[in-house]
């Protein structure tokens, strides 16, 4: 059984407010500890990792911008 709409909204908010900044700090720190690559390679790494972070969380973000499907309809 999947997460409810409200649970997915809460998890999406936590992921965006806590997880994404932590991921950004980790990636920048790791790249700075390594020898900095040329600008174009560094740009490719940031773009690739920027897209890659969302893959595990697609199910959480899917449909969040839509109205709550479980909410009672007002007449």
C-alpha atoms as a PDB file:
ATOM      1  CA  UNK A   1       0.000   0.000   0.000  1.00  0.00           C
ATOM      2  CA  UNK A   2       1.320   3.411  -0.979  1.00  0.00           C
ATOM      3  CA  UNK A   3       1.559   6.544   1.072  1.00  0.00           C
ATOM      4  CA  UNK A   4      -1.476   8.745   1.459  1.00  0.00           C
ATOM      5  CA  UNK A   5      -1.611  12.110  -0.257  1.00  0.00           C
ATOM      6  CA  UNK A   6      -0.976  13.992   3.008  1.00  0.00           C
ATOM      7  CA  UNK A   7       1.953  11.746   3.902  1.00  0.00           C
ATOM      8  CA  UNK A   8       3.507  12.244   0.463  1.00  0.00           C
ATOM      9  CA  UNK A   9       3.125  16.030   0.830  1.00  0.00           C
ATOM     10  CA  UNK A  10       4.829  15.954   4.228  1.00  0.00           C
ATOM     11  CA  UNK A  11       7.662  13.757   2.988  1.00  0.00           C
ATOM     12  CA  UNK A  12       8.121  15.972  -0.070  1.00  0.00           C
ATOM     13  CA  UNK A  13       8.445  19.009   2.183  1.00  0.00           C
ATOM     14  CA  UNK A  14      10.978  17.267   4.435  1.00  0.00           C
ATOM     15  CA  UNK A  15      12.974  16.084   1.435  1.00  0.00           C
ATOM     16  CA  UNK A  16      13.057  19.565  -0.093  1.00  0.00           C
ATOM     17  CA  UNK A  17      13.821  21.470   3.131  1.00  0.00           C
ATOM     18  CA  UNK A  18      16.261  19.051   4.769  1.00  0.00           C
ATOM     19  CA  UNK A  19      17.375  16.399   2.299  1.00  0.00           C
ATOM     20  CA  UNK A  20      18.185  18.518  -0.726  1.00  0.00           C
ATOM     21  CA  UNK A  21      20.357  21.078   1.138  1.00  0.00           C
ATOM     22  CA  UNK A  22      22.189  18.244   2.899  1.00  0.00           C
ATOM     23  CA  UNK A  23      22.755  16.541  -0.464  1.00  0.00           C
ATOM     24  CA  UNK A  24      24.071  19.790  -1.979  1.00  0.00           C
ATOM     25  CA  UNK A  25      26.480  20.338   0.914  1.00  0.00           C
ATOM     26  CA  UNK A  26      27.715  16.737   0.673  1.00  0.00           C
ATOM     27  CA  UNK A  27      28.306  16.925  -3.090  1.00  0.00           C
ATOM     28  CA  UNK A  28      30.119  20.273  -2.925  1.00  0.00           C
ATOM     29  CA  UNK A  29      32.241  19.091  -0.005  1.00  0.00           C
ATOM     30  CA  UNK A  30      33.241  15.856  -1.749  1.00  0.00           C
ATOM     31  CA  UNK A  31      34.101  17.650  -4.994  1.00  0.00           C
ATOM     32  CA  UNK A  32      36.181  20.217  -3.113  1.00  0.00           C
ATOM     33  CA  UNK A  33      38.067  17.497  -1.228  1.00  0.00           C
ATOM     34  CA  UNK A  34      38.991  15.946  -4.540  1.00  0.00           C
ATOM     35  CA  UNK A  35      41.118  17.876  -6.957  1.00  0.00           C
ATOM     36  CA  UNK A  36      38.760  20.324  -8.691  1.00  0.00           C
ATOM     37  CA  UNK A  37      38.165  19.249 -12.278  1.00  0.00           C
ATOM     38  CA  UNK A  38      37.967  21.693 -15.188  1.00  0.00           C
ATOM     39  CA  UNK A  39      34.887  23.920 -15.286  1.00  0.00           C
ATOM     40  CA  UNK A  40      33.070  21.918 -17.965  1.00  0.00           C
ATOM     41  CA  UNK A  41      33.598  18.622 -16.117  1.00  0.00           C
ATOM     42  CA  UNK A  42      32.506  20.157 -12.826  1.00  0.00           C
ATOM     43  CA  UNK A  43      29.384  21.535 -14.515  1.00  0.00           C
ATOM     44  CA  UNK A  44      28.555  18.085 -15.921  1.00  0.00           C
ATOM     45  CA  UNK A  45      28.990  16.495 -12.483  1.00  0.00           C
ATOM     46  CA  UNK A  46      26.694  19.060 -10.826  1.00  0.00           C
ATOM     47  CA  UNK A  47      24.031  18.745 -13.521  1.00  0.00           C
ATOM     48  CA  UNK A  48      24.192  14.936 -13.453  1.00  0.00           C
ATOM     49  CA  UNK A  49      23.999  14.719  -9.674  1.00  0.00           C
ATOM     50  CA  UNK A  50      21.299  17.395  -9.641  1.00  0.00           C
ATOM     51  CA  UNK A  51      19.111  15.145 -11.762  1.00  0.00           C
ATOM     52  CA  UNK A  52      20.169  11.922 -10.049  1.00  0.00           C
ATOM     53  CA  UNK A  53      19.044  12.931  -6.528  1.00  0.00           C
ATOM     54  CA  UNK A  54      15.367  12.915  -7.486  1.00  0.00           C
ATOM     55  CA  UNK A  55      15.271   9.388  -8.921  1.00  0.00           C
ATOM     56  CA  UNK A  56      14.721   7.601  -5.567  1.00  0.00           C
ATOM     57  CA  UNK A  57      12.028  10.112  -4.564  1.00  0.00           C
ATOM     58  CA  UNK A  58       9.922  10.214  -7.739  1.00  0.00           C
ATOM     59  CA  UNK A  59       7.059   8.314  -6.111  1.00  0.00           C
ATOM     60  CA  UNK A  60       6.882  10.904  -3.326  1.00  0.00           C
ATOM     61  CA  UNK A  61       6.692  13.912  -5.648  1.00  0.00           C
ATOM     62  CA  UNK A  62       4.353  12.392  -8.228  1.00  0.00           C
ATOM     63  CA  UNK A  63       0.981  14.164  -8.117  1.00  0.00           C
ATOM     64  CA  UNK A  64       1.813  16.530  -5.242  1.00  0.00           C
ATOM     65  CA  UNK A  65       0.766  19.615  -7.236  1.00  0.00           C
ATOM     66  CA  UNK A  66      -2.684  18.179  -7.911  1.00  0.00           C
ATOM     67  CA  UNK A  67      -5.702  18.586  -5.614  1.00  0.00           C
ATOM     68  CA  UNK A  68      -6.130  15.955  -2.907  1.00  0.00           C
ATOM     69  CA  UNK A  69      -7.885  12.969  -4.559  1.00  0.00           C
ATOM     70  CA  UNK A  70      -9.139  11.718  -1.177  1.00  0.00           C
ATOM     71  CA  UNK A  71     -10.733  15.012  -0.113  1.00  0.00           C
ATOM     72  CA  UNK A  72     -14.523  15.148  -0.029  1.00  0.00           C
ATOM     73  CA  UNK A  73     -15.977  17.171  -2.882  1.00  0.00           C
ATOM     74  CA  UNK A  74     -17.806  20.350  -1.949  1.00  0.00           C
ATOM     75  CA  UNK A  75     -21.163  20.815  -3.607  1.00  0.00           C
END
